[in-house]
Structures are given as C-alpha cells and as structure tokens.
C-alpha cells in the first residue's frame, strides 16, 4: 500500500453510482435475460473509464473500478463459484425489527434492493475466472489511460458471503466458511497479482452482530466473528499483508443503528485480521464519537487506518474543515503517515440503489480532497 509521506492521501470504500445503461444490463443478466456479451463488456469498460476519470477529477488518490460489473458487493460471487441456487428469506437487522413501521416504509420506498440472495446448496468450487479477468482487463485499461496515484479492487470476504448467502449444504458453519475461503482465494490472489491493492469487504464483523449473530450472547458473537477473521486470514495465506485492506461497517443504510456493536468490541476483532489497511465508519451519528476507542487502543505499528470522513447515507456535503478535523484526530493517534482519508461505506453497494445523488457523491469526494489538503497543510507545517 502506498502511504502518506508528504500529504494525506484520499480513497473510498469502492462502489460508486452506476449509469442506467450499466444497471439495466447487470439486472438483465441477474434475471436470466439474453444479453449481448460484446455490448455488455463494452458498456462496462466505458463505465469503468468514466468512473476512474470522475474519481480523479474529484481529487481521489487511490481509486477503484466502482464495482461497475457487480449486482452487489457480496452476491456477485454466485457467478464465479459453484454451489449456490434459489433465493433465501431476508433477515432484517435487529434495529429495523425494533421499528417495524420504519422497516415497512423503507421497503416500500425501494430502500430494500430486489435481487436474489441464493443459498449454498452444493459443494463450493471455482466456477469461472472470466468475470474477474474482464474486471481486471477493464480496470487496467482505465489505469493505463488515466494514471492514478494508486488503485484497489474489491472482493467479498468469506464472512460476508456467509452473512448474505446462508448455508444449507455443509454440516457445520465452520466447513462452509472454510470452503468459501478456499474458493475465493484464487480471486484474491489474482487481484493482487494484477498489481492492485485487494480490498476485502467484511461488514459481517460489525453488521453481523445485529443480523446473523443477533440472537447470540456477546461472548458467542466475539467467538464467531473471530472465526470469520480466522478464515479470512487463511484465504490470504499467500498474500503479503501490505497488499490488502479490509472494510468493516455496521450496515450502509439510514436507520436507527441502536443495536450496532460498539467499536470497543469490534476493533479488537478487526485488528486480528491480516490486512494492513483498516477502513471503518467514523462519520455517521452512531459512530462519530468512537474515534476515542482508537485513541485508547494499542494499534499495531504496521496498521494503516482509513477512517470514514464522509457519511455515505446522507446528501449533506461535509465541510472541508470538518473533514480535516476528522483526519487530524486519527493522525494524532497513529501518526500522519499511517492515515488515509476514506468514506464510511460505498455509495452504491447495490446496482441501481444509492441514498446519495450521483452528482453529490462526487461533490462529497471533492470536499474530502479539500479537507485532506487542509489537514496536510497543518500536519506537515
């Protein structure tokens, strides 16, 4: 990972708004409709080129492909590994269950994305590497053209796949997680071998507390979440830690979030993960105060902190001075060289759905870049 040497670098969590042309094609594939493959890949390639250009124009240093080709950040894997079919019941987060009127309201408003979340019904193995190869090809073309400072590509962690795609085949959850880890390993290694930073999306560590672990004791939640980390580390056994970063969050939706696990419980679990970089929420109203958890914790010397300095669920454009203050808090904890400015979560974790207007997304990213500049001037004065 490229780190700060003379200024604070900027990045984000990965997913960015997709055009209607992209969304229509992605959903056509999702629904089993005939899609012209040449048209699909030409459309995605152009979308990746456009999204890289937009990131750079907004001042983002470490860019992604925006996850243009994916229906969502987790369920896309059904097209890459075997063993999945059908659909599964929706498991609402505990905070939304506590407010059923609000849950119904967001469902009716389109706030609950509609696409299949298949179950694991047979052995998990690599199905096809072609989708990943095309993603790498399209991203590399945009990189060659626009020459960004650094790049990353997202992939689902074994744990988040288990969160959204339930096991109905393996005898134990441990067997399921191990099979996922082994099947996803080639994708992780291919991304790194392509020269990209691998970002593993692991909201299961935070969000999982009020979803798949919501009926567990705190002790059992910690034990089970640590098993997720153990399997993640197992899948990364051939990859250096400094080529990987991990995103942890509590659910990318506007809601009560009063059932979120406290960062004081989540951070010790997350720090056991191999990735050098840690992306986490610190801007939304439920977690903005938890920067003090990092202040009071012993952060390993090799860890890079990538705090979210933008909320990904609101159309407020954060003031650059607020962004700078958020950056400086963490720079004062681990040192300015070990902080990269990021976002709380992705801006379009599901194709066709995002709480923030597309133009405002890039205005927020531009404000982050402006805030990083202010912080840099003060930190390196």
Protein backbone atom coordinates (compact mmCIF):
# COMPACT_ATOMS: atom_id res chain seq x y z
CA UNK A 1 0.00 0.00 0.00
CA UNK A 2 1.15 3.49 -0.81
CA UNK A 3 1.05 5.58 2.35
CA UNK A 4 1.29 9.25 3.17
CA UNK A 5 4.78 10.76 3.00
CA UNK A 6 4.13 14.45 2.44
CA UNK A 7 0.32 14.71 2.44
CA UNK A 8 -2.84 12.84 3.43
CA UNK A 9 -3.99 10.56 0.62
CA UNK A 10 -7.67 10.02 -0.18
CA UNK A 11 -9.66 6.97 -1.14
CA UNK A 12 -13.15 5.50 -0.59
CA UNK A 13 -14.77 2.12 0.08
CA UNK A 14 -15.30 1.05 -3.53
CA UNK A 15 -18.78 1.09 -5.02
CA UNK A 16 -19.89 4.17 -6.93
CA UNK A 17 -23.11 5.06 -8.80
CA UNK A 18 -23.72 3.10 -11.98
CA UNK A 19 -25.37 4.54 -15.07
CA UNK A 20 -28.80 3.37 -16.22
CA UNK A 21 -27.16 1.56 -19.13
CA UNK A 22 -24.95 -0.40 -16.74
CA UNK A 23 -27.75 -1.08 -14.26
CA UNK A 24 -30.10 -2.31 -17.00
CA UNK A 25 -27.51 -4.76 -18.32
CA UNK A 26 -26.50 -6.01 -14.87
CA UNK A 27 -30.12 -6.67 -13.92
CA UNK A 28 -30.86 -8.28 -17.28
CA UNK A 29 -28.11 -10.77 -16.53
CA UNK A 30 -29.40 -11.19 -12.99
CA UNK A 31 -32.85 -12.09 -14.30
CA UNK A 32 -31.52 -14.57 -16.84
CA UNK A 33 -32.33 -12.50 -19.92
CA UNK A 34 -30.30 -12.81 -23.09
CA UNK A 35 -27.52 -10.22 -23.08
CA UNK A 36 -25.10 -9.50 -25.90
CA UNK A 37 -21.73 -10.17 -24.25
CA UNK A 38 -19.86 -7.79 -26.52
CA UNK A 39 -22.28 -4.98 -25.72
CA UNK A 40 -22.11 -5.81 -22.01
CA UNK A 41 -18.33 -5.65 -21.82
CA UNK A 42 -18.09 -2.54 -23.99
CA UNK A 43 -20.60 -0.80 -21.72
CA UNK A 44 -18.80 -1.87 -18.55
CA UNK A 45 -15.39 -0.90 -19.95
CA UNK A 46 -16.63 2.60 -20.79
CA UNK A 47 -18.29 2.89 -17.37
CA UNK A 48 -15.05 1.95 -15.61
CA UNK A 49 -13.14 4.50 -17.68
CA UNK A 50 -15.71 7.17 -16.80
CA UNK A 51 -15.78 6.35 -13.08
CA UNK A 52 -11.98 6.43 -12.79
CA UNK A 53 -11.95 9.81 -14.52
CA UNK A 54 -14.64 11.13 -12.17
CA UNK A 55 -12.71 9.98 -9.10
CA UNK A 56 -9.55 11.69 -10.25
CA UNK A 57 -11.43 14.88 -11.13
CA UNK A 58 -12.81 14.88 -7.56
CA UNK A 59 -9.33 14.57 -6.11
CA UNK A 60 -9.34 10.90 -5.10
CA UNK A 61 -5.82 9.46 -4.99
CA UNK A 62 -6.50 5.73 -4.58
CA UNK A 63 -9.27 4.77 -6.97
CA UNK A 64 -11.39 1.70 -7.73
CA UNK A 65 -13.37 0.45 -10.71
CA UNK A 66 -16.55 1.45 -8.85
CA UNK A 67 -17.69 -2.21 -8.91
CA UNK A 68 -19.43 -1.43 -12.19
CA UNK A 69 -19.99 -5.05 -13.25
CA UNK A 70 -21.41 -6.31 -9.94
CA UNK A 71 -25.06 -6.61 -8.91
CA UNK A 72 -23.93 -6.20 -5.31
CA UNK A 73 -20.73 -6.35 -3.30
CA UNK A 74 -21.47 -9.86 -1.96
CA UNK A 75 -23.94 -11.80 -4.10
CA UNK A 76 -21.91 -11.29 -7.29
CA UNK A 77 -19.88 -14.35 -6.28
CA UNK A 78 -22.65 -16.74 -7.38
CA UNK A 79 -21.43 -16.17 -10.94
CA UNK A 80 -17.85 -17.04 -10.00
CA UNK A 81 -18.10 -20.01 -7.65
CA UNK A 82 -20.41 -23.02 -7.69
CA UNK A 83 -22.81 -24.26 -5.04
CA UNK A 84 -25.45 -21.52 -5.00
CA UNK A 85 -29.05 -21.56 -6.20
CA UNK A 86 -32.50 -20.20 -5.48
CA UNK A 87 -33.21 -17.42 -3.04
CA UNK A 88 -33.26 -17.03 0.71
CA UNK A 89 -35.52 -15.24 3.22
CA UNK A 90 -34.50 -11.70 4.06
CA UNK A 91 -33.01 -11.39 7.54
CA UNK A 92 -33.75 -7.86 8.73
CA UNK A 93 -31.25 -6.18 11.03
CA UNK A 94 -32.32 -6.09 14.68
CA UNK A 95 -32.53 -2.29 14.75
CA UNK A 96 -35.08 -2.29 11.94
CA UNK A 97 -37.06 -5.10 13.57
CA UNK A 98 -37.41 -2.82 16.59
CA UNK A 99 -39.05 -0.20 14.39
CA UNK A 100 -41.36 -2.18 12.04
CA UNK A 101 -43.09 0.93 10.75
CA UNK A 102 -39.79 2.35 9.52
CA UNK A 103 -38.79 -1.05 8.11
CA UNK A 104 -42.00 -1.15 6.09
CA UNK A 105 -41.50 2.44 4.98
CA UNK A 106 -38.03 1.87 3.53
CA UNK A 107 -39.15 -1.39 1.89
CA UNK A 108 -41.99 0.43 0.13
CA UNK A 109 -39.72 3.30 -0.89
CA UNK A 110 -37.36 0.97 -2.74
CA UNK A 111 -34.78 1.04 0.03
CA UNK A 112 -34.61 -2.75 0.03
CA UNK A 113 -32.84 -3.83 -3.18
CA UNK A 114 -34.55 -6.61 -5.09
CA UNK A 115 -32.28 -9.34 -6.40
CA UNK A 116 -31.74 -12.95 -5.49
CA UNK A 117 -29.70 -13.95 -2.46
CA UNK A 118 -29.16 -17.63 -3.20
CA UNK A 119 -28.38 -20.31 -0.65
CA UNK A 120 -25.45 -22.70 -0.62
CA UNK A 121 -26.98 -25.98 -1.77
CA UNK A 122 -23.96 -27.96 -3.01
CA UNK A 123 -20.17 -28.07 -2.95
CA UNK A 124 -18.40 -24.75 -3.40
CA UNK A 125 -15.68 -24.62 -6.05
CA UNK A 126 -14.37 -22.10 -8.57
CA UNK A 127 -16.86 -21.89 -11.45
CA UNK A 128 -15.31 -19.34 -13.80
CA UNK A 129 -12.49 -16.84 -13.61
CA UNK A 130 -13.72 -15.00 -16.72
CA UNK A 131 -15.81 -12.34 -14.89
CA UNK A 132 -12.81 -11.39 -12.77
CA UNK A 133 -10.48 -11.44 -15.77
CA UNK A 134 -12.78 -9.00 -17.58
CA UNK A 135 -12.98 -6.76 -14.48
CA UNK A 136 -9.19 -6.66 -14.31
CA UNK A 137 -8.91 -6.01 -18.05
CA UNK A 138 -11.38 -3.10 -17.96
CA UNK A 139 -9.80 -1.56 -14.88
CA UNK A 140 -6.28 -1.89 -16.26
CA UNK A 141 -7.32 -0.09 -19.43
CA UNK A 142 -8.64 2.83 -17.36
CA UNK A 143 -5.50 2.82 -15.20
CA UNK A 144 -3.24 2.92 -18.26
CA UNK A 145 -5.21 5.86 -19.64
CA UNK A 146 -5.64 7.97 -16.50
CA UNK A 147 -2.56 7.05 -14.42
CA UNK A 148 -3.99 7.32 -10.88
CA UNK A 149 -1.72 7.51 -7.83
CA UNK A 150 -2.77 4.01 -6.69
CA UNK A 151 -5.65 1.57 -7.20
CA UNK A 152 -7.68 -1.06 -5.38
CA UNK A 153 -10.25 -3.68 -6.30
CA UNK A 154 -12.99 -5.02 -4.03
CA UNK A 155 -13.78 -8.64 -3.25
CA UNK A 156 -16.23 -10.19 -0.81
CA UNK A 157 -14.78 -11.78 2.32
CA UNK A 158 -15.77 -15.35 3.22
CA UNK A 159 -17.68 -14.00 6.20
CA UNK A 160 -19.83 -11.51 4.31
CA UNK A 161 -20.74 -14.20 1.78
CA UNK A 162 -21.87 -16.37 4.68
CA UNK A 163 -23.82 -13.39 6.04
CA UNK A 164 -25.96 -12.92 2.93
CA UNK A 165 -25.90 -16.38 1.33
CA UNK A 166 -26.91 -18.88 4.03
CA UNK A 167 -25.58 -22.42 4.25
CA UNK A 168 -27.97 -25.30 3.51
CA UNK A 169 -25.37 -27.83 2.45
CA UNK A 170 -22.35 -28.09 4.71
CA UNK A 171 -22.71 -29.89 8.03
CA UNK A 172 -21.24 -27.03 10.02
CA UNK A 173 -20.77 -23.31 9.57
CA UNK A 174 -17.03 -23.82 10.00
CA UNK A 175 -16.97 -26.16 6.99
CA UNK A 176 -18.95 -23.63 4.99
CA UNK A 177 -16.58 -20.77 5.85
CA UNK A 178 -13.52 -22.87 5.03
CA UNK A 179 -14.98 -23.84 1.65
CA UNK A 180 -15.71 -20.18 0.91
CA UNK A 181 -12.21 -19.15 1.94
CA UNK A 182 -10.60 -21.70 -0.33
CA UNK A 183 -12.89 -20.94 -3.30
CA UNK A 184 -12.35 -17.16 -3.01
CA UNK A 185 -8.58 -17.45 -2.57
CA UNK A 186 -7.83 -17.52 -6.35
CA UNK A 187 -9.80 -14.30 -6.83
CA UNK A 188 -7.91 -12.56 -4.04
CA UNK A 189 -4.56 -13.70 -5.40
CA UNK A 190 -5.45 -12.74 -8.98
CA UNK A 191 -6.34 -9.19 -7.92
CA UNK A 192 -3.01 -8.78 -6.12
CA UNK A 193 -1.08 -10.41 -8.96
CA UNK A 194 -2.65 -7.88 -11.33
CA UNK A 195 -0.90 -5.17 -9.33
CA UNK A 196 -3.96 -3.87 -7.47
CA UNK A 197 -4.48 -3.46 -3.75
CA UNK A 198 -7.06 -6.04 -2.64
CA UNK A 199 -9.91 -4.68 -0.53
CA UNK A 200 -11.85 -7.30 1.39
CA UNK A 201 -15.35 -6.17 2.32
CA UNK A 202 -16.12 -7.58 5.77
CA UNK A 203 -19.24 -5.93 7.22
CA UNK A 204 -20.04 -9.29 8.80
CA UNK A 205 -17.71 -8.31 11.65
CA UNK A 206 -19.84 -5.26 12.53
CA UNK A 207 -23.19 -5.62 10.75
CA UNK A 208 -23.22 -9.33 11.59
CA UNK A 209 -23.78 -8.53 15.27
CA UNK A 210 -27.35 -7.37 14.61
CA UNK A 211 -28.01 -9.83 11.75
CA UNK A 212 -26.63 -13.38 11.79
CA UNK A 213 -25.33 -13.03 15.36
CA UNK A 214 -28.28 -11.06 16.74
CA UNK A 215 -29.52 -13.92 18.90
CA UNK A 216 -26.08 -14.76 20.25
CA UNK A 217 -24.56 -13.70 23.54
CA UNK A 218 -21.81 -11.12 23.35
CA UNK A 219 -19.27 -13.83 24.15
CA UNK A 220 -20.52 -16.07 21.35
CA UNK A 221 -20.63 -13.16 18.91
CA UNK A 222 -16.96 -12.43 19.57
CA UNK A 223 -16.05 -16.09 19.19
CA UNK A 224 -17.97 -16.46 15.92
CA UNK A 225 -16.68 -13.17 14.48
CA UNK A 226 -13.14 -14.25 15.30
CA UNK A 227 -13.79 -17.47 13.34
CA UNK A 228 -14.68 -15.27 10.36
CA UNK A 229 -11.37 -13.46 10.75
CA UNK A 230 -9.51 -16.76 11.07
CA UNK A 231 -10.97 -17.95 7.75
CA UNK A 232 -10.23 -14.60 6.12
CA UNK A 233 -6.61 -14.88 7.22
CA UNK A 234 -6.49 -18.46 5.93
CA UNK A 235 -7.62 -17.30 2.49
CA UNK A 236 -4.84 -14.66 2.48
CA UNK A 237 -2.01 -17.03 3.37
CA UNK A 238 -0.19 -16.40 0.08
CA UNK A 239 -0.65 -12.62 0.03
CA UNK A 240 1.50 -10.05 1.88
CA UNK A 241 -0.42 -8.00 4.45
CA UNK A 242 0.65 -4.72 2.84
CA UNK A 243 -1.21 -5.62 -0.37
CA UNK A 244 -4.57 -5.86 1.40
CA UNK A 245 -7.00 -3.61 3.19
CA UNK A 246 -10.25 -4.59 4.93
CA UNK A 247 -13.52 -2.70 5.26
CA UNK A 248 -15.65 -3.11 8.38
CA UNK A 249 -19.03 -1.43 8.81
CA UNK A 250 -22.38 -1.72 10.58
CA UNK A 251 -24.71 -1.58 7.57
CA UNK A 252 -24.83 1.04 4.84
CA UNK A 253 -28.36 2.29 5.43
CA UNK A 254 -30.02 5.20 7.16
CA UNK A 255 -31.68 3.68 10.19
CA UNK A 256 -31.71 3.64 13.99
CA UNK A 257 -28.47 1.61 14.34
CA UNK A 258 -29.06 1.45 18.08
CA UNK A 259 -28.23 -2.28 18.01
CA UNK A 260 -24.80 -1.80 16.43
CA UNK A 261 -21.95 -3.42 18.29
CA UNK A 262 -19.73 -0.79 19.90
CA UNK A 263 -16.37 -0.19 18.25
CA UNK A 264 -14.74 -1.14 21.55
CA UNK A 265 -15.99 -4.67 20.89
CA UNK A 266 -15.38 -4.71 17.11
CA UNK A 267 -11.90 -3.18 16.97
CA UNK A 268 -10.05 -5.94 18.85
CA UNK A 269 -11.61 -8.48 16.48
CA UNK A 270 -10.74 -6.46 13.37
CA UNK A 271 -7.15 -5.97 14.49
CA UNK A 272 -6.63 -9.74 14.38
CA UNK A 273 -7.13 -9.67 10.60
CA UNK A 274 -4.07 -9.87 8.36
CA UNK A 275 -4.75 -6.86 6.07
CA UNK A 276 -2.55 -3.87 6.76
CA UNK A 277 -5.25 -1.32 5.98
CA UNK A 278 -8.45 -0.97 8.04
CA UNK A 279 -11.40 1.03 6.73
CA UNK A 280 -14.14 1.83 9.23
CA UNK A 281 -17.08 4.13 9.96
CA UNK A 282 -16.48 7.27 11.95
CA UNK A 283 -18.70 9.95 10.38
CA UNK A 284 -22.30 8.86 10.90
CA UNK A 285 -24.16 9.94 14.06
CA UNK A 286 -23.98 6.50 15.66
CA UNK A 287 -20.22 6.06 15.42
CA UNK A 288 -18.64 9.52 15.10
CA UNK A 289 -17.76 9.57 18.80
CA UNK A 290 -15.84 6.29 18.64
CA UNK A 291 -12.56 7.79 17.48
CA UNK A 292 -11.69 7.71 21.18
CA UNK A 293 -11.71 3.90 21.04
CA UNK A 294 -8.76 4.11 18.65
CA UNK A 295 -7.09 6.69 20.87
CA UNK A 296 -7.30 4.36 23.84
CA UNK A 297 -6.41 1.14 21.99
CA UNK A 298 -2.99 -0.26 21.18
CA UNK A 299 -2.91 -0.11 17.38
CA UNK A 300 -0.17 -2.33 15.92
CA UNK A 301 2.66 -0.32 14.38
CA UNK A 302 2.12 -1.85 10.94
CA UNK A 303 -1.57 -0.97 10.64
CA UNK A 304 -2.82 1.80 8.33
CA UNK A 305 -6.04 3.49 9.46
CA UNK A 306 -8.53 4.59 6.79
CA UNK A 307 -11.33 6.32 8.72
CA UNK A 308 -14.56 7.28 7.02
CA UNK A 309 -14.53 11.07 6.89
CA UNK A 310 -17.70 11.16 4.77
CA UNK A 311 -21.11 9.67 5.60
CA UNK A 312 -22.30 7.51 2.70
CA UNK A 313 -26.03 7.67 3.57
CA UNK A 314 -26.70 11.42 3.53
CA UNK A 315 -26.74 14.09 0.86
CA UNK A 316 -25.10 16.61 3.15
CA UNK A 317 -21.76 17.66 1.66
CA UNK A 318 -19.34 17.62 4.57
CA UNK A 319 -17.43 20.87 5.07
CA UNK A 320 -13.71 20.51 4.25
CA UNK A 321 -12.82 21.83 7.70
CA UNK A 322 -14.86 19.05 9.35
CA UNK A 323 -13.12 16.52 7.11
CA UNK A 324 -9.74 17.96 8.14
CA UNK A 325 -10.62 17.71 11.82
CA UNK A 326 -11.66 14.08 11.43
CA UNK A 327 -8.40 13.26 9.66
CA UNK A 328 -6.31 15.04 12.28
CA UNK A 329 -7.89 13.08 15.13
CA UNK A 330 -6.52 9.84 13.73
CA UNK A 331 -3.23 11.37 12.63
CA UNK A 332 -2.68 12.39 16.24
CA UNK A 333 -3.29 8.79 17.32
CA UNK A 334 -1.08 6.77 14.94
CA UNK A 335 0.88 9.42 13.07
CA UNK A 336 0.12 11.30 9.88
CA UNK A 337 1.98 8.75 7.72
CA UNK A 338 -0.42 5.98 8.76
CA UNK A 339 -3.73 7.69 7.94
CA UNK A 340 -5.60 7.73 4.63
CA UNK A 341 -8.92 9.58 4.30
CA UNK A 342 -11.83 7.35 3.30
CA UNK A 343 -15.60 7.04 3.41
CA UNK A 344 -17.92 5.26 5.84
CA UNK A 345 -19.09 2.82 3.18
CA UNK A 346 -19.71 2.51 -0.56
CA UNK A 347 -22.05 4.88 -2.34
CA UNK A 348 -23.77 2.20 -4.41
CA UNK A 349 -23.36 -1.17 -2.73
CA UNK A 350 -26.24 -2.48 -4.84
CA UNK A 351 -26.65 -1.73 -8.55
CA UNK A 352 -29.32 0.89 -9.12
CA UNK A 353 -29.58 1.82 -5.47
CA UNK A 354 -27.83 4.55 -3.53
CA UNK A 355 -29.04 7.04 -0.95
CA UNK A 356 -26.79 9.81 -2.27
CA UNK A 357 -27.37 11.58 -5.58
CA UNK A 358 -24.66 10.78 -8.12
CA UNK A 359 -23.53 14.37 -8.56
CA UNK A 360 -23.45 14.86 -4.80
CA UNK A 361 -21.30 11.72 -4.40
CA UNK A 362 -18.54 13.37 -6.38
CA UNK A 363 -19.09 16.71 -4.62
CA UNK A 364 -18.59 14.91 -1.30
CA UNK A 365 -15.42 13.27 -2.61
CA UNK A 366 -14.16 16.69 -3.74
CA UNK A 367 -14.85 18.05 -0.27
CA UNK A 368 -12.87 15.14 1.18
CA UNK A 369 -9.93 16.05 -1.06
CA UNK A 370 -10.19 19.68 0.02
CA UNK A 371 -10.29 18.63 3.67
CA UNK A 372 -7.28 16.35 3.20
CA UNK A 373 -5.38 19.31 1.76
CA UNK A 374 -6.22 21.45 4.79
CA UNK A 375 -5.18 18.67 7.16
CA UNK A 376 -1.95 18.10 5.22
CA UNK A 377 -1.00 21.77 5.41
CA UNK A 378 -1.43 21.69 9.19
CA UNK A 379 0.17 18.29 9.78
CA UNK A 380 3.23 18.94 7.62
CA UNK A 381 3.76 22.60 8.53
